[in-house]
Amino acid sequence: MALRGDVLASRKRFGFGRNETLELFVVLQAESFSHLFGTVVVAPLRRSSPELARWGGAVGVRMKDGAHERDLVVLAPLLTTLRTDQFEEE
């Protein structure tokens, strides 16, 4: 079950961004809906860049990955609903 704030990874391309190995998404859906549907509301998650920082639709976030922290942006205007079986298993 995906919880709000979880980062999900997909190897399937959804038509946005560069050709990276994994496409990352952050879950925006409330937890109370996660068990009801086979879909989840997500938005693309990208590494921060000067271009994205100037775009009004990019929301800056800091992600802690083990001992490292990364500056990322959530591309909120590009939120979408995707099937949960399209993401990599943890």
Protein backbone atom coordinates (compact mmCIF):
# COMPACT_ATOMS: atom_id res chain seq x y z
CA MET A 1 0.00 0.00 0.00
CA ALA A 2 1.38 3.40 -1.01
CA LEU A 3 1.23 6.12 1.63
CA ARG A 4 1.23 9.88 1.11
CA GLY A 5 4.82 11.07 0.74
CA ASP A 6 6.16 7.68 -0.40
CA VAL A 7 8.50 7.73 -3.39
CA LEU A 8 7.65 5.14 -6.03
CA ALA A 9 9.92 4.11 -8.89
CA SER A 10 8.90 2.87 -12.32
CA ARG A 11 11.02 1.51 -15.15
CA LYS A 12 8.18 2.15 -17.58
CA ARG A 13 8.38 5.54 -19.26
CA PHE A 14 5.33 7.76 -18.93
CA GLY A 15 6.42 10.32 -21.51
CA PHE A 16 8.02 13.01 -19.35
CA GLY A 17 11.62 13.91 -18.63
CA ARG A 18 14.92 12.56 -19.79
CA ASN A 19 15.66 8.92 -20.43
CA GLU A 20 16.64 7.91 -16.93
CA THR A 21 16.79 4.35 -15.66
CA LEU A 22 13.99 4.89 -13.15
CA GLU A 23 11.21 7.43 -13.21
CA LEU A 24 10.38 8.63 -9.68
CA PHE A 25 6.99 9.73 -8.40
CA VAL A 26 5.80 11.02 -5.04
CA VAL A 27 2.44 9.85 -3.69
CA LEU A 28 -0.04 12.70 -3.13
CA GLN A 29 -3.09 10.56 -2.34
CA ALA A 30 -4.51 10.28 1.17
CA GLU A 31 -3.77 6.98 2.90
CA SER A 32 -7.48 6.32 3.47
CA PHE A 33 -7.93 5.79 -0.29
CA SER A 34 -4.82 3.69 -0.89
CA HIS A 35 -6.45 0.39 0.02
CA LEU A 36 -9.66 1.04 -1.98
CA PHE A 37 -8.30 1.40 -5.51
CA GLY A 38 -5.67 -0.20 -7.71
CA THR A 39 -4.44 3.29 -8.60
CA VAL A 40 -2.57 6.04 -6.80
CA VAL A 41 -2.39 9.82 -7.31
CA VAL A 42 1.24 10.78 -7.95
CA ALA A 43 3.38 13.60 -9.34
CA PRO A 44 6.77 13.29 -11.06
CA LEU A 45 9.81 13.81 -8.83
CA ARG A 46 13.00 15.20 -10.41
CA ARG A 47 16.43 16.43 -9.38
CA SER A 48 16.39 20.15 -8.77
CA SER A 49 17.84 22.32 -11.54
CA PRO A 50 17.96 26.08 -12.20
CA GLU A 51 15.40 25.67 -14.98
CA LEU A 52 12.94 23.79 -12.79
CA ALA A 53 13.54 26.15 -9.85
CA ARG A 54 12.32 29.06 -12.01
CA TRP A 55 9.18 27.19 -13.07
CA GLY A 56 6.22 28.04 -10.85
CA GLY A 57 4.93 24.48 -10.89
CA ALA A 58 8.00 22.92 -9.28
CA VAL A 59 7.81 22.48 -5.51
CA GLY A 60 11.19 22.02 -3.82
CA VAL A 61 11.64 19.11 -1.42
CA ARG A 62 14.62 17.57 0.34
CA MET A 63 14.88 13.79 0.33
CA LYS A 64 17.04 11.89 2.77
CA ASP A 65 18.45 8.72 1.21
CA GLY A 66 20.45 6.94 3.89
CA ALA A 67 23.18 9.36 5.00
CA HIS A 68 22.73 11.57 1.91
CA GLU A 69 20.27 14.37 1.27
CA ARG A 70 19.16 15.40 -2.20
CA ASP A 71 17.37 18.51 -3.42
CA LEU A 72 14.44 17.48 -5.59
CA VAL A 73 11.33 19.06 -7.05
CA VAL A 74 7.79 17.74 -7.26
CA LEU A 75 6.20 18.72 -10.58
CA ALA A 76 2.78 19.31 -9.04
CA PRO A 77 0.91 20.48 -12.18
CA LEU A 78 1.77 17.13 -13.79
CA LEU A 79 0.00 15.03 -11.16
CA THR A 80 -1.70 11.96 -12.53
CA THR A 81 -3.24 8.67 -11.50
CA LEU A 82 -1.30 5.47 -12.23
CA ARG A 83 -1.93 1.81 -11.52
CA THR A 84 0.00 0.58 -8.50
CA ASP A 85 1.26 -2.48 -10.40
CA GLN A 86 3.31 -0.19 -12.68
CA PHE A 87 5.83 0.50 -9.92
CA GLU A 88 8.88 -1.46 -8.81
CA GLU A 89 8.54 -3.66 -5.75
CA GLU A 90 10.36 -2.38 -2.65
